Amino acid sequence: MHRKRKMGRPYIIILSAVLFLSACKKDMLNFQRVQKINSYSDSDRLNKILFVDGSSGFIVGGQRFYDATILVTHDGGYSWQKQSHPVAGKALYDLVVSPAGTVYTCGFDGKLLRSYDTGSTWLFTQMQFSAFSGIAFTDASHAIVLGGVSFNNGTRQTIDSSGNVIASDSLGFQPNKIVMTSALVGYICGYGAVQKTIDGGNTWNFQNVVGDNFTCMDIHGEEIWMCGYNGSVFYTSNGGASWTRYRNGNDVTQARYHLYSILFTDEQNGWAVGEDGKVIHSDDGGQHWAEYKQFTTSTLRSIALCPNGDLMVAGDQGALYRITP
């Protein structure tokens, strides 16, 4: 009688690796067109893209300790002009348009800039020295700014439209981004935590979702897609009452991604970007993801929808690309 020979652990590991690599190769996607856009720098880190109408848009970034950079477009993102702001002198991380139509950007060491004329001129305010990474307005006169540099603590402040601090809170986790969907409802995502407010930011409650350093949310009404640094993707269809983990970033059988930004253009089609120039796509609402062929090795930190339907991605070393999916 012949005994069946057991497969050893090394063979199992090798076979798993072969199957994993084969699956990755099979899922590789190609963009119709990728165009590199001049960002006027190969040292700036570009952190956030925001289009405010059919032609005008902004990108903010710089170098954390040395430079505040703003790129401005008035042709729908086909070309950009660089503005440097030495009075701020530190990197900028988030962008928002107030209900009154003013553009605000905040950054490292409590820097705040605002423009009333679509980026032609900017007013500077020095807030409390903190690493602000997110800003959102609750109404035309009040905003919430937040951030931190340590995983286990952060700062959340309420300011008026000039940047004066009205209230300040310490947090037990590092918050990364804030989005207000109305004057009352908003969300914060950060290191291992998500919070929601339904009273304009007066109180915040933790959501029942953990498992990653959550870096970005894309919100469409009650639907929210959220990504994390470890590569997880979470989804809720009911404003956070319940969450589903569509992608487990800690699953060793899946490709490893470090994700910084996520964007859904409809209920089915979404993209996420991250380290090493990774761009991934889902065509089933976020349940499954496939990787695009790499066109840059720079970390990508923001993805946005251009007015004409193209995608714009930006990141480290001045990486700026316009993409036709």
C-alpha atoms as a PDB file:
ATOM      1  CA  MET A   1       0.000   0.000   0.000  1.00  0.00           C
ATOM      2  CA  HIS A   2       1.343   3.397  -0.954  1.00  0.00           C
ATOM      3  CA  ARG A   3       1.114   6.137   1.592  1.00  0.00           C
ATOM      4  CA  LYS A   4       0.152   9.609   0.440  1.00  0.00           C
ATOM      5  CA  ARG A   5       3.079  11.903   0.949  1.00  0.00           C
ATOM      6  CA  LYS A   6       2.295  15.009   2.976  1.00  0.00           C
ATOM      7  CA  MET A   7       3.115  18.362   1.472  1.00  0.00           C
ATOM      8  CA  GLY A   8       5.633  20.220   3.633  1.00  0.00           C
ATOM      9  CA  ARG A   9       5.213  23.782   4.876  1.00  0.00           C
ATOM     10  CA  PRO A  10       7.800  25.281   2.451  1.00  0.00           C
ATOM     11  CA  TYR A  11       5.917  23.811  -0.519  1.00  0.00           C
ATOM     12  CA  ILE A  12       2.643  25.268   0.734  1.00  0.00           C
ATOM     13  CA  ILE A  13       4.240  28.706   1.079  1.00  0.00           C
ATOM     14  CA  ILE A  14       5.737  28.532  -2.424  1.00  0.00           C
ATOM     15  CA  LEU A  15       2.467  27.349  -3.937  1.00  0.00           C
ATOM     16  CA  SER A  16       0.566  30.139  -2.176  1.00  0.00           C
ATOM     17  CA  ALA A  17       3.047  32.698  -3.467  1.00  0.00           C
ATOM     18  CA  VAL A  18       2.737  31.402  -7.035  1.00  0.00           C
ATOM     19  CA  LEU A  19      -1.055  31.510  -6.884  1.00  0.00           C
ATOM     20  CA  PHE A  20      -0.957  34.982  -5.337  1.00  0.00           C
ATOM     21  CA  LEU A  21       1.370  36.379  -8.016  1.00  0.00           C
ATOM     22  CA  SER A  22      -0.669  34.749 -10.768  1.00  0.00           C
ATOM     23  CA  ALA A  23      -3.843  36.315  -9.425  1.00  0.00           C
ATOM     24  CA  CYS A  24      -2.218  39.742  -9.272  1.00  0.00           C
ATOM     25  CA  LYS A  25      -0.981  39.442 -12.851  1.00  0.00           C
ATOM     26  CA  LYS A  26      -4.386  38.332 -14.069  1.00  0.00           C
ATOM     27  CA  ASP A  27      -6.111  41.306 -12.439  1.00  0.00           C
ATOM     28  CA  MET A  28      -3.728  43.964 -13.832  1.00  0.00           C
ATOM     29  CA  LEU A  29      -5.616  46.796 -15.545  1.00  0.00           C
ATOM     30  CA  ASN A  30      -4.572  49.475 -18.022  1.00  0.00           C
ATOM     31  CA  PHE A  31      -5.654  53.099 -18.248  1.00  0.00           C
ATOM     32  CA  GLN A  32      -6.729  54.448 -21.595  1.00  0.00           C
ATOM     33  CA  ARG A  33      -4.391  57.415 -21.136  1.00  0.00           C
ATOM     34  CA  VAL A  34      -1.978  58.686 -18.471  1.00  0.00           C
ATOM     35  CA  GLN A  35      -0.632  62.233 -18.830  1.00  0.00           C
ATOM     36  CA  LYS A  36       2.036  63.654 -16.538  1.00  0.00           C
ATOM     37  CA  ILE A  37       1.211  67.253 -15.560  1.00  0.00           C
ATOM     38  CA  ASN A  38       3.812  69.866 -14.677  1.00  0.00           C
ATOM     39  CA  SER A  39       3.721  70.562 -10.921  1.00  0.00           C
ATOM     40  CA  TYR A  40       6.885  72.715 -10.997  1.00  0.00           C
ATOM     41  CA  SER A  41       8.618  70.641  -8.328  1.00  0.00           C
ATOM     42  CA  ASP A  42      10.151  67.231  -7.775  1.00  0.00           C
ATOM     43  CA  SER A  43      10.406  67.739  -3.999  1.00  0.00           C
ATOM     44  CA  ASP A  44       6.950  68.946  -2.937  1.00  0.00           C
ATOM     45  CA  ARG A  45       4.498  66.497  -1.457  1.00  0.00           C
ATOM     46  CA  LEU A  46       1.041  67.151  -2.927  1.00  0.00           C
ATOM     47  CA  ASN A  47      -1.607  66.221  -0.368  1.00  0.00           C
ATOM     48  CA  LYS A  48      -5.083  67.232  -1.554  1.00  0.00           C
ATOM     49  CA  ILE A  49      -6.881  67.998  -4.833  1.00  0.00           C
ATOM     50  CA  LEU A  50     -10.144  69.941  -4.914  1.00  0.00           C
ATOM     51  CA  PHE A  51     -12.155  71.166  -7.897  1.00  0.00           C
ATOM     52  CA  VAL A  52     -14.581  73.927  -6.935  1.00  0.00           C
ATOM     53  CA  ASP A  53     -16.448  74.304 -10.251  1.00  0.00           C
ATOM     54  CA  GLY A  54     -16.250  73.353 -13.922  1.00  0.00           C
ATOM     55  CA  SER A  55     -12.925  75.089 -14.456  1.00  0.00           C
ATOM     56  CA  SER A  56     -11.234  76.064 -11.169  1.00  0.00           C
ATOM     57  CA  GLY A  57      -9.371  73.772  -8.816  1.00  0.00           C
ATOM     58  CA  PHE A  58      -6.615  73.658  -6.221  1.00  0.00           C
ATOM     59  CA  ILE A  59      -3.890  71.327  -5.007  1.00  0.00           C
ATOM     60  CA  VAL A  60      -2.111  71.948  -1.710  1.00  0.00           C
ATOM     61  CA  GLY A  61       1.111  70.557  -0.305  1.00  0.00           C
ATOM     62  CA  GLY A  62       4.733  71.532   0.136  1.00  0.00           C
ATOM     63  CA  GLN A  63       7.480  70.309   2.439  1.00  0.00           C
ATOM     64  CA  ARG A  64       6.468  69.793   6.068  1.00  0.00           C
ATOM     65  CA  PHE A  65       8.987  72.139   7.700  1.00  0.00           C
ATOM     66  CA  TYR A  66      10.035  74.393   4.813  1.00  0.00           C
ATOM     67  CA  ASP A  67       7.415  75.253   2.219  1.00  0.00           C
ATOM     68  CA  ALA A  68       3.693  75.836   1.630  1.00  0.00           C
ATOM     69  CA  THR A  69       2.620  75.220  -1.957  1.00  0.00           C
ATOM     70  CA  ILE A  70      -0.674  75.805  -3.735  1.00  0.00           C
ATOM     71  CA  LEU A  71      -1.343  74.847  -7.356  1.00  0.00           C
ATOM     72  CA  VAL A  72      -4.246  76.575  -9.104  1.00  0.00           C
ATOM     73  CA  THR A  73      -6.050  75.677 -12.325  1.00  0.00           C
ATOM     74  CA  HIS A  74      -8.686  77.608 -14.258  1.00  0.00           C
ATOM     75  CA  ASP A  75      -8.975  75.251 -17.225  1.00  0.00           C
ATOM     76  CA  GLY A  76     -10.374  72.150 -15.589  1.00  0.00           C
ATOM     77  CA  GLY A  77      -7.009  70.726 -14.522  1.00  0.00           C
ATOM     78  CA  TYR A  78      -5.235  70.599 -17.875  1.00  0.00           C
ATOM     79  CA  SER A  79      -2.610  73.061 -16.633  1.00  0.00           C
ATOM     80  CA  TRP A  80      -1.688  74.371 -13.201  1.00  0.00           C
ATOM     81  CA  GLN A  81       0.117  77.442 -11.863  1.00  0.00           C
ATOM     82  CA  LYS A  82       2.235  77.246  -8.730  1.00  0.00           C
ATOM     83  CA  GLN A  83       1.945  79.660  -5.837  1.00  0.00           C
ATOM     84  CA  SER A  84       4.425  79.658  -2.945  1.00  0.00           C
ATOM     85  CA  HIS A  85       3.490  81.105   0.429  1.00  0.00           C
ATOM     86  CA  PRO A  86       6.640  81.806   2.481  1.00  0.00           C
ATOM     87  CA  VAL A  87       4.588  83.554   5.177  1.00  0.00           C
ATOM     88  CA  ALA A  88       3.049  80.153   5.935  1.00  0.00           C
ATOM     89  CA  GLY A  89       6.254  78.251   5.292  1.00  0.00           C
ATOM     90  CA  LYS A  90       4.947  74.786   6.243  1.00  0.00           C
ATOM     91  CA  ALA A  91       3.177  72.041   4.292  1.00  0.00           C
ATOM     92  CA  LEU A  92      -0.573  72.270   3.677  1.00  0.00           C
ATOM     93  CA  TYR A  93      -2.726  69.149   4.003  1.00  0.00           C
ATOM     94  CA  ASP A  94      -6.417  69.821   3.423  1.00  0.00           C
ATOM     95  CA  LEU A  95      -8.765  71.992   1.359  1.00  0.00           C
ATOM     96  CA  VAL A  96     -12.395  72.987   1.698  1.00  0.00           C
ATOM     97  CA  VAL A  97     -14.841  75.546   0.337  1.00  0.00           C
ATOM     98  CA  SER A  98     -16.982  77.277   2.967  1.00  0.00           C
ATOM     99  CA  PRO A  99     -20.753  77.708   2.486  1.00  0.00           C
ATOM    100  CA  ALA A 100     -19.946  81.344   1.653  1.00  0.00           C
ATOM    101  CA  GLY A 101     -17.686  80.243  -1.219  1.00  0.00           C
ATOM    102  CA  THR A 102     -14.331  81.003   0.430  1.00  0.00           C
ATOM    103  CA  VAL A 103     -11.496  78.528  -0.141  1.00  0.00           C
ATOM    104  CA  TYR A 104      -9.613  77.447   2.991  1.00  0.00           C
ATOM    105  CA  THR A 105      -6.490  75.329   3.415  1.00  0.00           C
ATOM    106  CA  CYS A 106      -4.780  74.246   6.639  1.00  0.00           C
ATOM    107  CA  GLY A 107      -1.494  72.612   7.455  1.00  0.00           C
ATOM    108  CA  PHE A 108       1.434  71.880   9.701  1.00  0.00           C
ATOM    109  CA  ASP A 109       2.088  74.070  12.761  1.00  0.00           C
ATOM    110  CA  GLY A 110      -1.401  75.575  12.649  1.00  0.00           C
ATOM    111  CA  LYS A 111      -1.122  77.363   9.311  1.00  0.00           C
ATOM    112  CA  LEU A 112      -4.390  78.593   7.769  1.00  0.00           C
ATOM    113  CA  LEU A 113      -4.849  80.321   4.408  1.00  0.00           C
ATOM    114  CA  ARG A 114      -8.104  81.550   2.886  1.00  0.00           C
ATOM    115  CA  SER A 115      -8.998  83.061  -0.482  1.00  0.00           C
ATOM    116  CA  TYR A 116     -12.075  85.090  -1.375  1.00  0.00           C
ATOM    117  CA  ASP A 117     -11.165  85.409  -5.060  1.00  0.00           C
ATOM    118  CA  THR A 118     -10.658  81.816  -6.294  1.00  0.00           C
ATOM    119  CA  GLY A 119      -6.991  81.721  -5.440  1.00  0.00           C
ATOM    120  CA  SER A 120      -5.753  85.074  -6.760  1.00  0.00           C
ATOM    121  CA  THR A 121      -4.876  86.278  -3.252  1.00  0.00           C
ATOM    122  CA  TRP A 122      -4.650  84.543   0.116  1.00  0.00           C
ATOM    123  CA  LEU A 123      -4.959  85.759   3.698  1.00  0.00           C
ATOM    124  CA  PHE A 124      -2.813  84.046   6.340  1.00  0.00           C
ATOM    125  CA  THR A 125      -3.749  83.197   9.934  1.00  0.00           C
ATOM    126  CA  GLN A 126      -1.492  81.547  12.499  1.00  0.00           C
ATOM    127  CA  MET A 127      -3.609  79.234  14.637  1.00  0.00           C
ATOM    128  CA  GLN A 128      -2.480  77.150  17.608  1.00  0.00           C
ATOM    129  CA  PHE A 129       0.679  75.245  16.718  1.00  0.00           C
ATOM    130  CA  SER A 130      -0.530  71.794  15.747  1.00  0.00           C
ATOM    131  CA  ALA A 131      -0.276  69.445  12.763  1.00  0.00           C
ATOM    132  CA  PHE A 132      -3.651  70.146  11.188  1.00  0.00           C
ATOM    133  CA  SER A 133      -4.619  67.623   8.510  1.00  0.00           C
ATOM    134  CA  GLY A 134      -8.361  68.237   8.128  1.00  0.00           C
ATOM    135  CA  ILE A 135     -10.846  71.102   7.932  1.00  0.00           C
ATOM    136  CA  ALA A 136     -14.626  71.248   7.401  1.00  0.00           C
ATOM    137  CA  PHE A 137     -17.305  73.912   7.841  1.00  0.00           C
ATOM    138  CA  THR A 138     -20.434  73.474   9.942  1.00  0.00           C
ATOM    139  CA  ASP A 139     -21.893  76.778   8.696  1.00  0.00           C
ATOM    140  CA  ALA A 140     -20.707  79.922   6.914  1.00  0.00           C
ATOM    141  CA  SER A 141     -19.073  81.268  10.081  1.00  0.00           C
ATOM    142  CA  HIS A 142     -17.634  78.199  11.811  1.00  0.00           C
ATOM    143  CA  ALA A 143     -15.259  75.378  10.914  1.00  0.00           C
ATOM    144  CA  ILE A 144     -13.616  72.435  12.623  1.00  0.00           C
ATOM    145  CA  VAL A 145      -9.891  71.786  12.167  1.00  0.00           C
ATOM    146  CA  LEU A 146      -8.104  68.707  13.439  1.00  0.00           C
ATOM    147  CA  GLY A 147      -4.914  66.728  13.323  1.00  0.00           C
ATOM    148  CA  GLY A 148      -2.039  65.210  15.247  1.00  0.00           C
ATOM    149  CA  VAL A 149       1.391  63.626  14.895  1.00  0.00           C
ATOM    150  CA  SER A 150       1.032  60.759  17.360  1.00  0.00           C
ATOM    151  CA  PHE A 151      -1.162  57.709  16.839  1.00  0.00           C
ATOM    152  CA  ASN A 152      -2.750  57.948  20.269  1.00  0.00           C
ATOM    153  CA  ASN A 153      -3.593  61.635  20.541  1.00  0.00           C
ATOM    154  CA  GLY A 154      -4.824  64.531  18.469  1.00  0.00           C
ATOM    155  CA  THR A 155      -6.502  67.922  18.514  1.00  0.00           C
ATOM    156  CA  ARG A 156      -9.915  69.097  17.356  1.00  0.00           C
ATOM    157  CA  GLN A 157     -10.699  72.821  17.337  1.00  0.00           C
ATOM    158  CA  THR A 158     -13.704  74.920  16.397  1.00  0.00           C
ATOM    159  CA  ILE A 159     -12.735  78.198  14.722  1.00  0.00           C
ATOM    160  CA  ASP A 160     -14.551  81.170  13.241  1.00  0.00           C
ATOM    161  CA  SER A 161     -14.171  82.175   9.600  1.00  0.00           C
ATOM    162  CA  SER A 162     -11.037  84.214  10.422  1.00  0.00           C
ATOM    163  CA  GLY A 163      -9.286  81.354  12.202  1.00  0.00           C
ATOM    164  CA  ASN A 164      -9.897  82.445  15.778  1.00  0.00           C
ATOM    165  CA  VAL A 165     -10.261  79.471  18.148  1.00  0.00           C
ATOM    166  CA  ILE A 166     -13.665  79.160  19.822  1.00  0.00           C
ATOM    167  CA  ALA A 167     -13.294  75.717  21.415  1.00  0.00           C
ATOM    168  CA  SER A 168     -10.615  73.038  21.614  1.00  0.00           C
ATOM    169  CA  ASP A 169     -10.615  69.322  22.497  1.00  0.00           C
ATOM    170  CA  SER A 170      -7.926  66.698  22.957  1.00  0.00           C
ATOM    171  CA  LEU A 171      -8.533  63.316  21.367  1.00  0.00           C
ATOM    172  CA  GLY A 172      -7.378  59.843  22.338  1.00  0.00           C
ATOM    173  CA  PHE A 173      -6.484  59.006  18.751  1.00  0.00           C
ATOM    174  CA  GLN A 174      -4.868  60.737  15.799  1.00  0.00           C
ATOM    175  CA  PRO A 175      -7.571  62.126  13.478  1.00  0.00           C
ATOM    176  CA  ASN A 176      -6.742  62.272   9.777  1.00  0.00           C
ATOM    177  CA  LYS A 177      -9.742  63.711   7.937  1.00  0.00           C
ATOM    178  CA  ILE A 178     -13.091  65.357   8.636  1.00  0.00           C
ATOM    179  CA  VAL A 179     -16.119  65.693   6.343  1.00  0.00           C
ATOM    180  CA  MET A 180     -19.313  67.582   7.185  1.00  0.00           C
ATOM    181  CA  THR A 181     -22.228  66.469   5.020  1.00  0.00           C
ATOM    182  CA  SER A 182     -24.561  69.124   6.445  1.00  0.00           C
ATOM    183  CA  ALA A 183     -24.577  71.760   9.162  1.00  0.00           C
ATOM    184  CA  LEU A 184     -25.319  69.013  11.696  1.00  0.00           C
ATOM    185  CA  VAL A 185     -23.898  65.733  10.370  1.00  0.00           C
ATOM    186  CA  GLY A 186     -20.211  64.979   9.962  1.00  0.00           C
ATOM    187  CA  TYR A 187     -17.571  62.272  10.234  1.00  0.00           C
ATOM    188  CA  ILE A 188     -13.955  62.018  11.414  1.00  0.00           C
ATOM    189  CA  CYS A 189     -11.645  59.144  10.484  1.00  0.00           C
ATOM    190  CA  GLY A 190      -8.278  58.442  12.032  1.00  0.00           C
ATOM    191  CA  TYR A 191      -5.993  55.935  13.688  1.00  0.00           C
ATOM    192  CA  GLY A 192      -8.210  52.973  14.555  1.00  0.00           C
ATOM    193  CA  ALA A 193     -11.300  55.127  15.009  1.00  0.00           C
ATOM    194  CA  VAL A 194     -14.241  56.785  13.261  1.00  0.00           C
ATOM    195  CA  GLN A 195     -16.523  59.354  14.909  1.00  0.00           C
ATOM    196  CA  LYS A 196     -19.846  60.885  13.876  1.00  0.00           C
ATOM    197  CA  THR A 197     -21.656  64.042  14.947  1.00  0.00           C
ATOM    198  CA  ILE A 198     -25.334  64.826  14.439  1.00  0.00           C
ATOM    199  CA  ASP A 199     -25.342  68.182  16.264  1.00  0.00           C
ATOM    200  CA  GLY A 200     -22.845  70.258  14.295  1.00  0.00           C
ATOM    201  CA  GLY A 201     -19.757  69.033  16.112  1.00  0.00           C
ATOM    202  CA  ASN A 202     -20.859  69.723  19.678  1.00  0.00           C
ATOM    203  CA  THR A 203     -20.684  66.007  20.483  1.00  0.00           C
ATOM    204  CA  TRP A 204     -19.018  63.091  18.692  1.00  0.00           C
ATOM    205  CA  ASN A 205     -19.721  59.369  19.022  1.00  0.00           C
ATOM    206  CA  PHE A 206     -17.451  56.497  18.025  1.00  0.00           C
ATOM    207  CA  GLN A 207     -18.615  54.287  15.164  1.00  0.00           C
ATOM    208  CA  ASN A 208     -18.507  50.505  15.397  1.00  0.00           C
ATOM    209  CA  VAL A 209     -15.623  50.128  12.957  1.00  0.00           C
ATOM    210  CA  VAL A 210     -11.958  49.353  13.725  1.00  0.00           C
ATOM    211  CA  GLY A 211      -9.032  47.550  12.181  1.00  0.00           C
ATOM    212  CA  ASP A 212      -6.965  50.147  10.329  1.00  0.00           C
ATOM    213  CA  ASN A 213      -5.490  53.632  10.354  1.00  0.00           C
ATOM    214  CA  PHE A 214      -8.347  55.199   8.401  1.00  0.00           C
ATOM    215  CA  THR A 215      -7.003  57.776   5.980  1.00  0.00           C
ATOM    216  CA  CYS A 216      -9.884  58.908   3.758  1.00  0.00           C
ATOM    217  CA  MET A 217     -13.673  58.848   3.329  1.00  0.00           C
ATOM    218  CA  ASP A 218     -15.741  59.357   0.190  1.00  0.00           C
ATOM    219  CA  ILE A 219     -19.301  60.249   1.172  1.00  0.00           C
ATOM    220  CA  HIS A 220     -22.415  60.226  -1.006  1.00  0.00           C
ATOM    221  CA  GLY A 221     -25.438  60.867   1.201  1.00  0.00           C
ATOM    222  CA  GLU A 222     -25.810  57.873   3.513  1.00  0.00           C
ATOM    223  CA  GLU A 223     -23.252  55.852   1.520  1.00  0.00           C
ATOM    224  CA  ILE A 224     -19.633  56.048   2.683  1.00  0.00           C
ATOM    225  CA  TRP A 225     -16.561  54.291   1.336  1.00  0.00           C
ATOM    226  CA  MET A 226     -13.500  54.471   3.584  1.00  0.00           C
ATOM    227  CA  CYS A 227      -9.920  53.270   3.105  1.00  0.00           C
ATOM    228  CA  GLY A 228      -7.035  52.690   5.499  1.00  0.00           C
ATOM    229  CA  TYR A 229      -3.261  52.753   5.479  1.00  0.00           C
ATOM    230  CA  ASN A 230      -3.078  48.960   5.776  1.00  0.00           C
ATOM    231  CA  GLY A 231      -5.219  48.560   2.656  1.00  0.00           C
ATOM    232  CA  SER A 232      -8.650  47.948   4.151  1.00  0.00           C
ATOM    233  CA  VAL A 233     -11.844  49.241   2.536  1.00  0.00           C
ATOM    234  CA  PHE A 234     -15.034  49.674   4.571  1.00  0.00           C
ATOM    235  CA  TYR A 235     -18.536  50.584   3.411  1.00  0.00           C
ATOM    236  CA  THR A 236     -21.785  51.747   4.991  1.00  0.00           C
ATOM    237  CA  SER A 237     -25.106  52.321   3.260  1.00  0.00           C
ATOM    238  CA  ASN A 238     -26.832  53.864   6.274  1.00  0.00           C
ATOM    239  CA  GLY A 239     -24.625  56.702   7.466  1.00  0.00           C
ATOM    240  CA  GLY A 240     -22.538  54.532   9.758  1.00  0.00           C
ATOM    241  CA  ALA A 241     -25.290  52.642  11.572  1.00  0.00           C
ATOM    242  CA  SER A 242     -23.524  49.496  10.332  1.00  0.00           C
ATOM    243  CA  TRP A 243     -20.280  48.938   8.450  1.00  0.00           C
ATOM    244  CA  THR A 244     -19.089  46.177   6.132  1.00  0.00           C
ATOM    245  CA  ARG A 245     -15.426  45.423   5.559  1.00  0.00           C
ATOM    246  CA  TYR A 246     -15.141  44.856   1.820  1.00  0.00           C
ATOM    247  CA  ARG A 247     -11.361  44.526   1.788  1.00  0.00           C
ATOM    248  CA  ASN A 248      -9.238  43.212   4.661  1.00  0.00           C
ATOM    249  CA  GLY A 249      -5.838  44.865   4.542  1.00  0.00           C
ATOM    250  CA  ASN A 250      -4.478  42.337   7.039  1.00  0.00           C
ATOM    251  CA  ASP A 251      -5.351  39.321   4.878  1.00  0.00           C
ATOM    252  CA  VAL A 252      -2.011  37.776   3.833  1.00  0.00           C
ATOM    253  CA  THR A 253      -3.624  36.152   0.782  1.00  0.00           C
ATOM    254  CA  GLN A 254      -4.397  39.564  -0.735  1.00  0.00           C
ATOM    255  CA  ALA A 255      -2.056  42.085  -2.310  1.00  0.00           C
ATOM    256  CA  ARG A 256      -0.593  44.507   0.232  1.00  0.00           C
ATOM    257  CA  TYR A 257      -1.538  48.141  -0.281  1.00  0.00           C
ATOM    258  CA  HIS A 258      -1.041  51.277   1.795  1.00  0.00           C
ATOM    259  CA  LEU A 259      -3.970  53.497   0.815  1.00  0.00           C
ATOM    260  CA  TYR A 260      -4.346  57.254   1.275  1.00  0.00           C
ATOM    261  CA  SER A 261      -7.332  58.318  -0.816  1.00  0.00           C
ATOM    262  CA  ILE A 262     -10.533  56.799  -2.200  1.00  0.00           C
ATOM    263  CA  LEU A 263     -13.065  58.036  -4.769  1.00  0.00           C
ATOM    264  CA  PHE A 264     -16.317  56.606  -6.095  1.00  0.00           C
ATOM    265  CA  THR A 265     -17.829  58.174  -9.197  1.00  0.00           C
ATOM    266  CA  ASP A 266     -21.046  56.129  -8.965  1.00  0.00           C
ATOM    267  CA  GLU A 267     -22.433  53.247  -6.926  1.00  0.00           C
ATOM    268  CA  GLN A 268     -20.241  50.699  -8.702  1.00  0.00           C
ATOM    269  CA  ASN A 269     -17.016  52.337  -9.851  1.00  0.00           C
ATOM    270  CA  GLY A 270     -14.363  53.411  -7.387  1.00  0.00           C
ATOM    271  CA  TRP A 271     -10.618  54.006  -7.212  1.00  0.00           C
ATOM    272  CA  ALA A 272      -8.106  54.142  -4.372  1.00  0.00           C
ATOM    273  CA  VAL A 273      -4.468  55.294  -4.439  1.00  0.00           C
ATOM    274  CA  GLY A 274      -1.487  54.858  -2.167  1.00  0.00           C
ATOM    275  CA  GLU A 275       2.196  54.095  -1.719  1.00  0.00           C
ATOM    276  CA  ASP A 276       4.503  53.116  -4.594  1.00  0.00           C
ATOM    277  CA  GLY A 277       2.134  54.649  -7.130  1.00  0.00           C
ATOM    278  CA  LYS A 278      -0.570  52.043  -6.524  1.00  0.00           C
ATOM    279  CA  VAL A 279      -3.947  52.648  -8.135  1.00  0.00           C
ATOM    280  CA  ILE A 280      -6.697  50.080  -7.634  1.00  0.00           C
ATOM    281  CA  HIS A 281     -10.223  49.921  -9.032  1.00  0.00           C
ATOM    282  CA  SER A 282     -13.546  48.323  -8.119  1.00  0.00           C
ATOM    283  CA  ASP A 283     -16.470  47.896 -10.500  1.00  0.00           C
ATOM    284  CA  ASP A 284     -18.808  46.252  -7.981  1.00  0.00           C
ATOM    285  CA  GLY A 285     -19.215  48.920  -5.319  1.00  0.00           C
ATOM    286  CA  GLY A 286     -15.962  48.166  -3.486  1.00  0.00           C
ATOM    287  CA  GLN A 287     -16.360  44.448  -2.840  1.00  0.00           C
ATOM    288  CA  HIS A 288     -13.475  43.428  -5.128  1.00  0.00           C
ATOM    289  CA  TRP A 289     -10.446  45.368  -6.332  1.00  0.00           C
ATOM    290  CA  ALA A 290      -7.984  45.062  -9.208  1.00  0.00           C
ATOM    291  CA  GLU A 291      -4.677  46.855  -9.665  1.00  0.00           C
ATOM    292  CA  TYR A 292      -3.697  49.131 -12.529  1.00  0.00           C
ATOM    293  CA  LYS A 293      -0.364  48.837 -14.290  1.00  0.00           C
ATOM    294  CA  GLN A 294       2.116  51.060 -12.459  1.00  0.00           C
ATOM    295  CA  PHE A 295       2.966  54.407 -14.084  1.00  0.00           C
ATOM    296  CA  THR A 296       4.899  55.980 -11.170  1.00  0.00           C
ATOM    297  CA  THR A 297       6.754  54.832  -8.068  1.00  0.00           C
ATOM    298  CA  SER A 298       5.838  57.991  -6.123  1.00  0.00           C
ATOM    299  CA  THR A 299       3.354  57.661  -3.299  1.00  0.00           C
ATOM    300  CA  LEU A 300      -0.068  58.967  -4.386  1.00  0.00           C
ATOM    301  CA  ARG A 301      -1.993  60.832  -1.688  1.00  0.00           C
ATOM    302  CA  SER A 302      -5.072  62.258  -3.385  1.00  0.00           C
ATOM    303  CA  ILE A 303      -7.469  61.356  -6.192  1.00  0.00           C
ATOM    304  CA  ALA A 304     -10.212  63.603  -7.576  1.00  0.00           C
ATOM    305  CA  LEU A 305     -12.689  63.691 -10.430  1.00  0.00           C
ATOM    306  CA  CYS A 306     -11.931  66.294 -13.104  1.00  0.00           C
ATOM    307  CA  PRO A 307     -14.830  68.335 -14.505  1.00  0.00           C
ATOM    308  CA  ASN A 308     -14.702  66.383 -17.810  1.00  0.00           C
ATOM    309  CA  GLY A 309     -14.732  62.953 -16.115  1.00  0.00           C
ATOM    310  CA  ASP A 310     -10.992  62.248 -16.110  1.00  0.00           C
ATOM    311  CA  LEU A 311      -9.192  61.402 -12.868  1.00  0.00           C
ATOM    312  CA  MET A 312      -6.478  63.539 -11.283  1.00  0.00           C
ATOM    313  CA  VAL A 313      -3.947  61.987  -8.889  1.00  0.00           C
ATOM    314  CA  ALA A 314      -1.203  63.710  -6.915  1.00  0.00           C
ATOM    315  CA  GLY A 315       1.469  62.757  -4.424  1.00  0.00           C
ATOM    316  CA  ASP A 316       5.129  62.761  -3.443  1.00  0.00           C
ATOM    317  CA  GLN A 317       8.007  64.220  -5.475  1.00  0.00           C
ATOM    318  CA  GLY A 318       5.535  66.543  -7.156  1.00  0.00           C
ATOM    319  CA  ALA A 319       3.702  63.621  -8.769  1.00  0.00           C
ATOM    320  CA  LEU A 320       0.697  64.922 -10.724  1.00  0.00           C
ATOM    321  CA  TYR A 321      -1.135  62.891 -13.383  1.00  0.00           C
ATOM    322  CA  ARG A 322      -4.304  63.239 -15.417  1.00  0.00           C
ATOM    323  CA  ILE A 323      -5.864  59.871 -16.205  1.00  0.00           C
ATOM    324  CA  THR A 324      -8.529  58.639 -18.586  1.00  0.00           C
ATOM    325  CA  PRO A 325      -9.815  55.405 -17.006  1.00  0.00           C
END
